[in-house]
Amino acid sequence: MDFSFSEEDRAFQGQVREWLAQAWPEEVRLRKAKTATGRVWREEQIRWQQALAEKGWAAPNWPVEHGGAGFTPTQNYLFDLELARAGAPNVLPFGINMVAPVIMKFGTEAQKQRFLPDILHSRMWWCQGYSEPGSGSDLASLSTRAEDKGDHYLVNGVKTWTTLAQHADWMFCLVRTSKEGRKQLGISFLLIDMRSQGVDVKPIITIDQPSEGLQEINTVYFEDVKVPKDNLVGEEGQGWTCAKYLLEFERGTAYSPRLKASLERLKDIMQSEPLASDDADAFRHKVAGMEIEVLALEFTELRILGALAAGQNVGPESSLLKARGTELQQQVSELWVEYSGYYALPMDGSTPFEGDNFQPVGPEWSNGVVQSYFNLRKVSIYAGSNEIQRNIMAKLVLGL
């Protein structure tokens, strides 16, 4: 199999690299490079996404008629590769990569005109309302209900693990509009204005929350929230179909560019701050083994790219990418923790008294290593747990 790129692809890759060197802010680049978490602030993320939109590169997977970049699958991959090399973040997925394709596929023309331009230019921040207390992997068991009140729905219920809901302007939400028949057929897909009366967002404080307060997940409560009928995407009862369509985009991610960049950074640190000789050889073997695993994943991604370029759909291969990619994310984070040694130990900032000269110990690169490790425990659960992905592969690929 030929995994080489064409001259046109390489020229495109050079164009992306040159643009990133100018467009990705130097002060953010330097600050982000000092910590293992690599998180950016909300305002920085929005400015970055708007810069991508101005260049025409914010939505690589969108059709050109909606403002998409018009990348080929290979160019899309190379774009992700250069973003990872530069340390620049991807766009937040909830708007551009998740709800927008659903609106394009199932939405009305009025919904497309209303929402797509603001999503593209990051004038609208989205969150995802799927999981509920007691209804996570078994998503069809959700109980948040939307009662038909004529010209609007009245929504009551709870959504949880809602990433960045505290910043969101809108939520795309699965709600139950019927209890008749199969439970999947009673689910609908609603767009909910988070400023509506009756919406209450409460933070969930997790063990990985960094000291600078970049809190991530929340529980969202709905109490008699009025949602206009115009905010229903597709037909009533079509929410399960919308959700399955969305999950192909959520799962069909290329993981190898970020994994390769993380390993390259770790290898650079190993050169500048080597371990004691007794430990160095064993750890180098572990890193080399992980590079082989990531290379195997990259070849799989490139093979799928070839199928996409030939006009095929991702299909169950998205489950393979999600399962293996998230496992490798976790394993790479474990290498970082191992190399950091006791510098990776969580630091409890509650113990010092006011006025104490309390400083973190260890090199700057070790700041956030353990937070990143803890945060990545979730990746094998969201977007459908990896156990569910294996069930999908067993059924659709192996025919079991």
Protein backbone atom coordinates (compact mmCIF):
# COMPACT_ATOMS: atom_id res chain seq x y z
CA MET A 1 0.00 0.00 0.00
CA ASP A 2 1.37 3.44 -0.95
CA PHE A 3 1.23 5.91 1.96
CA SER A 4 3.15 8.68 0.17
CA PHE A 5 1.63 12.12 -0.39
CA SER A 6 1.49 13.92 -3.71
CA GLU A 7 3.47 17.06 -4.53
CA GLU A 8 0.24 19.05 -4.29
CA ASP A 9 -0.38 17.66 -0.81
CA ARG A 10 3.14 18.54 0.31
CA ALA A 11 2.76 22.05 -1.08
CA PHE A 12 -0.48 22.42 0.87
CA GLN A 13 1.26 21.18 4.02
CA GLY A 14 3.97 23.81 3.58
CA GLN A 15 1.35 26.52 3.14
CA VAL A 16 -0.36 25.49 6.38
CA ARG A 17 2.94 25.39 8.28
CA GLU A 18 3.93 28.85 7.03
CA TRP A 19 0.54 30.34 7.95
CA LEU A 20 0.56 28.80 11.42
CA ALA A 21 3.99 30.28 12.13
CA GLN A 22 2.47 33.74 11.64
CA ALA A 23 -1.09 33.28 12.89
CA TRP A 24 -0.71 31.22 16.08
CA PRO A 25 0.06 33.89 18.73
CA GLU A 26 3.59 33.62 20.08
CA GLU A 27 2.66 34.51 23.66
CA VAL A 28 0.00 31.78 23.77
CA ARG A 29 2.36 29.33 22.09
CA LEU A 30 5.05 29.90 24.72
CA ARG A 31 2.69 29.75 27.69
CA LYS A 32 0.97 26.64 26.37
CA ALA A 33 4.31 24.91 25.78
CA LYS A 34 5.23 25.30 29.46
CA THR A 35 2.56 22.95 30.76
CA ALA A 36 1.52 19.42 29.91
CA THR A 37 -2.20 20.25 29.85
CA GLY A 38 -1.83 22.76 27.04
CA ARG A 39 -5.20 24.36 27.75
CA VAL A 40 -6.11 27.80 26.47
CA TRP A 41 -8.59 30.33 27.82
CA ARG A 42 -12.04 30.80 26.30
CA GLU A 43 -11.17 34.17 24.75
CA GLU A 44 -7.99 32.73 23.24
CA GLN A 45 -9.90 29.80 21.79
CA ILE A 46 -12.50 32.10 20.23
CA ARG A 47 -9.87 34.41 18.73
CA TRP A 48 -8.05 31.41 17.30
CA GLN A 49 -11.18 29.93 15.75
CA GLN A 50 -12.09 33.30 14.26
CA ALA A 51 -8.62 33.56 12.74
CA LEU A 52 -9.13 30.12 11.18
CA ALA A 53 -12.54 31.23 9.87
CA GLU A 54 -11.07 34.36 8.33
CA LYS A 55 -8.50 32.18 6.56
CA GLY A 56 -11.28 29.82 5.46
CA TRP A 57 -9.90 26.87 7.42
CA ALA A 58 -12.21 26.69 10.45
CA ALA A 59 -14.45 23.98 9.00
CA PRO A 60 -12.38 21.51 6.93
CA ASN A 61 -15.23 18.98 6.76
CA TRP A 62 -18.00 21.40 5.73
CA PRO A 63 -19.25 21.69 2.16
CA VAL A 64 -17.82 24.72 0.39
CA GLU A 65 -21.30 26.20 -0.13
CA HIS A 66 -21.63 26.58 3.65
CA GLY A 67 -18.17 28.12 4.09
CA GLY A 68 -16.15 24.92 4.39
CA ALA A 69 -12.48 24.74 3.49
CA GLY A 70 -13.00 22.25 0.69
CA PHE A 71 -10.08 20.10 1.88
CA THR A 72 -9.60 16.62 0.53
CA PRO A 73 -9.45 13.90 3.22
CA THR A 74 -5.65 13.89 2.84
CA GLN A 75 -5.41 17.67 3.21
CA ASN A 76 -7.61 17.44 6.28
CA TYR A 77 -5.17 14.96 7.79
CA LEU A 78 -2.14 17.09 6.94
CA PHE A 79 -3.88 20.13 8.41
CA ASP A 80 -4.37 18.28 11.70
CA LEU A 81 -0.74 17.17 11.58
CA GLU A 82 0.53 20.74 11.26
CA LEU A 83 -1.79 22.02 14.00
CA ALA A 84 -0.35 19.39 16.32
CA ARG A 85 3.23 20.24 15.38
CA ALA A 86 2.64 23.92 16.08
CA GLY A 87 0.87 23.19 19.37
CA ALA A 88 -2.21 25.02 18.12
CA PRO A 89 -5.60 23.73 19.31
CA ASN A 90 -8.23 22.20 17.11
CA VAL A 91 -11.56 23.99 16.98
CA LEU A 92 -13.94 23.04 19.77
CA PRO A 93 -15.97 20.22 18.28
CA PHE A 94 -19.46 20.96 19.62
CA GLY A 95 -20.42 23.60 17.08
CA ILE A 96 -18.39 23.09 13.92
CA ASN A 97 -17.83 19.33 14.04
CA MET A 98 -20.95 18.07 15.77
CA VAL A 99 -24.17 20.09 15.65
CA ALA A 100 -23.42 21.82 12.34
CA PRO A 101 -23.35 18.58 10.27
CA VAL A 102 -26.67 17.57 11.86
CA ILE A 103 -28.24 20.93 10.95
CA MET A 104 -26.91 20.58 7.39
CA LYS A 105 -28.33 17.06 7.08
CA PHE A 106 -31.65 17.31 8.90
CA GLY A 107 -32.29 21.02 9.54
CA THR A 108 -34.60 23.40 7.73
CA GLU A 109 -33.30 26.09 5.43
CA ALA A 110 -34.20 28.67 8.06
CA GLN A 111 -32.15 26.80 10.68
CA LYS A 112 -29.17 26.63 8.33
CA GLN A 113 -29.29 30.35 7.66
CA ARG A 114 -29.78 31.19 11.32
CA PHE A 115 -27.11 28.99 12.90
CA LEU A 116 -24.40 27.97 10.43
CA PRO A 117 -22.77 31.41 9.86
CA ASP A 118 -22.53 32.07 13.61
CA ILE A 119 -21.12 28.59 14.24
CA LEU A 120 -18.52 29.03 11.51
CA HIS A 121 -17.31 32.39 12.85
CA SER A 122 -17.46 31.36 16.55
CA ARG A 123 -20.10 33.93 17.40
CA MET A 124 -22.03 31.13 19.11
CA TRP A 125 -20.64 28.71 21.73
CA TRP A 126 -22.29 25.27 21.92
CA CYS A 127 -22.48 22.42 24.40
CA GLN A 128 -23.84 18.88 24.11
CA GLY A 129 -26.84 17.67 26.13
CA TYR A 130 -26.79 13.88 25.89
CA SER A 131 -25.77 12.14 29.13
CA GLU A 132 -28.00 12.19 32.18
CA PRO A 133 -27.66 10.89 35.74
CA GLY A 134 -28.27 7.17 35.29
CA SER A 135 -28.32 7.42 31.49
CA GLY A 136 -24.86 7.53 29.95
CA SER A 137 -23.77 4.61 27.79
CA ASP A 138 -27.41 3.51 27.51
CA LEU A 139 -28.35 6.80 25.91
CA ALA A 140 -31.75 5.56 24.76
CA SER A 141 -32.87 5.42 28.39
CA LEU A 142 -32.73 9.23 28.75
CA SER A 143 -35.65 10.80 30.58
CA THR A 144 -35.39 14.57 30.03
CA ARG A 145 -38.82 15.26 28.58
CA ALA A 146 -40.16 17.85 26.17
CA GLU A 147 -43.93 18.26 26.38
CA ASP A 148 -45.77 19.57 23.33
CA LYS A 149 -47.51 22.84 24.27
CA GLY A 150 -48.68 23.87 20.82
CA ASP A 151 -46.18 26.44 19.55
CA HIS A 152 -43.41 25.35 21.94
CA TYR A 153 -42.03 22.49 24.02
CA LEU A 154 -41.75 22.60 27.80
CA VAL A 155 -38.49 20.92 28.81
CA ASN A 156 -37.83 19.39 32.24
CA GLY A 157 -34.91 17.21 33.28
CA VAL A 158 -31.18 17.07 33.93
CA LYS A 159 -28.10 16.70 31.71
CA THR A 160 -24.69 15.93 33.18
CA TRP A 161 -20.98 15.79 32.24
CA THR A 162 -21.77 18.78 30.03
CA THR A 163 -18.44 20.14 28.82
CA LEU A 164 -18.04 23.94 29.00
CA ALA A 165 -21.77 24.49 29.53
CA GLN A 166 -20.93 27.49 31.73
CA HIS A 167 -19.72 29.31 28.59
CA ALA A 168 -22.33 28.00 26.15
CA ASP A 169 -24.87 30.17 24.35
CA TRP A 170 -26.75 27.12 22.99
CA MET A 171 -27.11 23.42 23.66
CA PHE A 172 -28.02 20.67 21.21
CA CYS A 173 -30.06 18.33 23.32
CA LEU A 174 -31.70 14.93 23.13
CA VAL A 175 -35.12 14.95 24.79
CA ARG A 176 -37.97 12.50 25.13
CA THR A 177 -41.09 13.56 23.26
CA SER A 178 -42.90 10.21 23.45
CA LYS A 179 -42.98 7.10 25.64
CA GLU A 180 -44.80 5.00 23.05
CA GLY A 181 -43.11 2.11 21.22
CA ARG A 182 -39.34 1.55 21.17
CA LYS A 183 -37.56 4.01 23.43
CA GLN A 184 -35.26 5.16 20.60
CA LEU A 185 -38.29 6.29 18.58
CA GLY A 186 -39.46 8.66 21.32
CA ILE A 187 -36.33 10.86 21.24
CA SER A 188 -36.08 14.23 19.49
CA PHE A 189 -33.21 16.63 18.78
CA LEU A 190 -33.72 20.16 20.16
CA LEU A 191 -31.63 23.34 20.04
CA ILE A 192 -31.96 25.14 23.38
CA ASP A 193 -30.96 28.73 24.13
CA MET A 194 -28.93 28.49 27.35
CA ARG A 195 -30.14 31.97 28.38
CA SER A 196 -33.73 30.70 28.58
CA GLN A 197 -35.56 31.04 31.85
CA GLY A 198 -35.38 27.81 33.83
CA VAL A 199 -31.87 26.75 32.69
CA ASP A 200 -29.46 26.36 35.62
CA VAL A 201 -25.79 25.36 35.19
CA LYS A 202 -23.90 23.90 38.18
CA PRO A 203 -20.16 23.06 38.03
CA ILE A 204 -18.76 19.59 38.63
CA ILE A 205 -15.35 19.98 40.26
CA THR A 206 -13.08 17.16 39.14
CA ILE A 207 -9.74 15.94 40.44
CA ASP A 208 -7.95 17.21 37.33
CA GLN A 209 -9.19 20.80 37.64
CA PRO A 210 -6.07 22.99 37.38
CA SER A 211 -5.28 25.67 39.91
CA GLU A 212 -5.93 28.47 37.41
CA GLY A 213 -9.62 27.58 37.46
CA LEU A 214 -10.16 26.13 33.98
CA GLN A 215 -13.19 24.18 35.15
CA GLU A 216 -14.58 21.97 32.40
CA ILE A 217 -17.74 19.97 33.12
CA ASN A 218 -21.16 20.73 34.55
CA THR A 219 -24.64 19.54 35.38
CA VAL A 220 -27.46 21.42 33.61
CA TYR A 221 -30.97 21.56 35.08
CA PHE A 222 -34.10 22.36 33.06
CA GLU A 223 -37.23 23.49 34.86
CA ASP A 224 -40.19 24.38 32.65
CA VAL A 225 -37.91 25.71 29.90
CA LYS A 226 -39.83 26.97 26.86
CA VAL A 227 -38.28 25.93 23.55
CA PRO A 228 -39.90 27.11 20.29
CA LYS A 229 -40.99 24.42 17.86
CA ASP A 230 -38.72 26.08 15.29
CA ASN A 231 -35.77 24.71 17.28
CA LEU A 232 -36.66 21.08 16.55
CA VAL A 233 -34.10 19.59 14.13
CA GLY A 234 -35.61 17.03 11.80
CA GLU A 235 -38.93 15.48 12.63
CA GLU A 236 -40.24 14.70 16.09
CA GLY A 237 -38.93 11.27 17.06
CA GLN A 238 -35.94 11.53 14.69
CA GLY A 239 -33.47 12.41 17.46
CA TRP A 240 -31.92 8.94 17.60
CA THR A 241 -31.14 9.11 13.88
CA CYS A 242 -29.58 12.57 14.36
CA ALA A 243 -27.54 11.32 17.32
CA LYS A 244 -26.11 8.35 15.40
CA TYR A 245 -25.21 10.62 12.49
CA LEU A 246 -23.47 13.05 14.85
CA LEU A 247 -21.49 10.31 16.58
CA GLU A 248 -19.81 9.32 13.30
CA PHE A 249 -18.28 12.81 13.25
CA GLU A 250 -17.42 12.70 16.97
CA ARG A 251 -15.71 9.32 16.70
CA GLY A 252 -14.08 9.69 13.29
CA THR A 253 -11.13 11.69 14.59
CA ALA A 254 -7.49 11.35 13.55
CA TYR A 255 -5.60 10.76 16.81
CA SER A 256 -2.07 10.12 15.55
CA PRO A 257 -1.03 13.75 14.83
CA ARG A 258 -1.48 14.83 18.47
CA LEU A 259 -0.02 11.59 19.79
CA LYS A 260 3.09 11.96 17.62
CA ALA A 261 3.52 15.58 18.71
CA SER A 262 3.25 14.59 22.39
CA LEU A 263 5.85 11.84 21.99
CA GLU A 264 8.21 14.17 20.11
CA ARG A 265 7.98 16.70 22.93
CA LEU A 266 8.63 14.00 25.51
CA LYS A 267 11.70 12.83 23.56
CA ASP A 268 13.02 16.40 23.45
CA ILE A 269 12.71 16.60 27.25
CA MET A 270 14.43 13.22 27.58
CA GLN A 271 17.39 14.68 25.68
CA SER A 272 17.66 17.83 27.79
CA GLU A 273 16.79 16.27 31.17
CA PRO A 274 17.80 12.59 30.97
CA LEU A 275 16.88 10.02 33.57
CA ALA A 276 19.47 8.25 35.67
CA SER A 277 21.32 5.70 33.56
CA ASP A 278 19.75 2.72 35.36
CA ASP A 279 16.26 3.82 34.26
CA ALA A 280 16.97 5.48 30.92
CA ASP A 281 17.26 2.39 28.70
CA ALA A 282 14.07 0.80 29.99
CA PHE A 283 12.12 4.00 29.51
CA ARG A 284 13.49 4.52 25.99
CA HIS A 285 12.24 1.02 25.12
CA LYS A 286 8.78 1.99 26.36
CA VAL A 287 8.75 5.18 24.27
CA ALA A 288 9.95 3.29 21.19
CA GLY A 289 7.21 0.71 21.69
CA MET A 290 4.62 3.46 21.98
CA GLU A 291 5.90 5.08 18.76
CA ILE A 292 5.32 1.77 16.97
CA GLU A 293 1.76 1.61 18.31
CA VAL A 294 1.07 5.19 17.18
CA LEU A 295 2.59 4.46 13.77
CA ALA A 296 0.25 1.48 13.38
CA LEU A 297 -2.69 3.73 14.23
CA GLU A 298 -1.47 6.34 11.74
CA PHE A 299 -1.34 3.73 8.96
CA THR A 300 -4.89 2.71 9.82
CA GLU A 301 -6.01 6.34 9.67
CA LEU A 302 -4.29 6.79 6.31
CA ARG A 303 -5.96 3.66 4.97
CA ILE A 304 -9.34 5.07 6.01
CA LEU A 305 -8.38 8.37 4.37
CA GLY A 306 -7.87 6.49 1.15
CA ALA A 307 -11.36 4.99 1.44
CA LEU A 308 -12.84 8.43 2.11
CA ALA A 309 -11.04 9.86 -0.91
CA ALA A 310 -12.65 7.09 -2.97
CA GLY A 311 -16.08 8.22 -1.81
CA GLN A 312 -16.72 5.62 0.88
CA ASN A 313 -18.19 6.36 4.32
CA VAL A 314 -16.25 5.90 7.56
CA GLY A 315 -18.86 3.51 9.00
CA PRO A 316 -17.78 1.12 11.79
CA GLU A 317 -14.13 2.10 11.29
CA SER A 318 -14.94 5.21 13.32
CA SER A 319 -15.44 2.89 16.30
CA LEU A 320 -12.02 1.35 15.71
CA LEU A 321 -10.36 4.77 15.60
CA LYS A 322 -12.17 5.93 18.72
CA ALA A 323 -11.31 2.84 20.77
CA ARG A 324 -7.66 2.55 19.80
CA GLY A 325 -6.98 6.29 19.64
CA THR A 326 -8.32 6.98 23.13
CA GLU A 327 -6.43 4.02 24.62
CA LEU A 328 -3.19 5.35 23.16
CA GLN A 329 -3.99 8.84 24.50
CA GLN A 330 -4.17 7.35 27.97
CA GLN A 331 -1.00 5.30 27.53
CA VAL A 332 1.01 8.29 26.32
CA SER A 333 -0.17 10.29 29.32
CA GLU A 334 1.04 7.45 31.54
CA LEU A 335 4.51 7.75 30.00
CA TRP A 336 4.53 11.46 30.88
CA VAL A 337 3.61 10.68 34.48
CA GLU A 338 6.28 8.00 34.72
CA TYR A 339 8.97 10.31 33.35
CA SER A 340 7.93 13.14 35.68
CA GLY A 341 8.37 10.95 38.73
CA TYR A 342 7.44 12.65 42.00
CA TYR A 343 7.07 16.00 40.17
CA ALA A 344 3.79 14.62 38.83
CA LEU A 345 2.30 14.27 42.31
CA PRO A 346 -0.87 16.39 42.69
CA MET A 347 -0.28 19.60 44.58
CA ASP A 348 -2.91 20.61 47.14
CA GLY A 349 -2.91 24.40 47.17
CA SER A 350 -5.28 24.58 50.14
CA THR A 351 -2.61 23.92 52.79
CA PRO A 352 -0.43 27.07 52.69
CA PHE A 353 -1.40 30.02 54.84
CA GLU A 354 -1.79 33.49 53.37
CA GLY A 355 1.59 35.05 52.82
CA ASP A 356 3.46 31.76 52.57
CA ASN A 357 6.05 31.63 49.82
CA PHE A 358 4.56 28.46 48.37
CA GLN A 359 5.98 27.50 44.98
CA PRO A 360 5.53 24.37 42.87
CA VAL A 361 8.62 22.24 42.52
CA GLY A 362 10.02 20.70 39.39
CA PRO A 363 10.55 21.91 35.82
CA GLU A 364 7.88 23.96 34.07
CA TRP A 365 7.05 21.16 31.63
CA SER A 366 5.93 18.95 34.53
CA ASN A 367 3.19 21.42 35.53
CA GLY A 368 -0.12 19.85 34.59
CA VAL A 369 1.20 16.36 33.80
CA VAL A 370 -1.02 14.70 36.38
CA GLN A 371 -4.02 16.90 35.52
CA SER A 372 -3.72 15.79 31.91
CA TYR A 373 -3.42 12.16 33.04
CA PHE A 374 -6.59 12.40 35.14
CA ASN A 375 -8.49 14.29 32.45
CA LEU A 376 -7.74 11.67 29.82
CA ARG A 377 -9.31 8.89 31.91
CA LYS A 378 -12.65 10.00 30.44
CA VAL A 379 -11.80 9.69 26.75
CA SER A 380 -12.46 5.94 26.66
CA ILE A 381 -15.96 6.61 28.03
CA TYR A 382 -17.41 9.60 26.17
CA ALA A 383 -18.83 9.35 22.63
CA GLY A 384 -19.81 5.81 23.54
CA SER A 385 -17.58 3.78 25.84
CA ASN A 386 -14.88 1.64 24.28
CA GLU A 387 -16.76 -1.48 25.40
CA ILE A 388 -19.67 -0.32 23.24
CA GLN A 389 -17.29 0.41 20.35
CA ARG A 390 -16.07 -3.18 20.52
CA ASN A 391 -19.64 -4.42 20.41
CA ILE A 392 -20.24 -2.30 17.29
CA MET A 393 -17.11 -3.68 15.63
CA ALA A 394 -18.03 -7.25 16.56
CA LYS A 395 -21.47 -6.83 15.01
CA LEU A 396 -20.73 -4.74 11.91
CA VAL A 397 -17.20 -5.83 11.04
CA LEU A 398 -16.94 -9.41 12.32
CA GLY A 399 -20.64 -10.26 11.94
CA LEU A 400 -20.91 -11.70 15.43
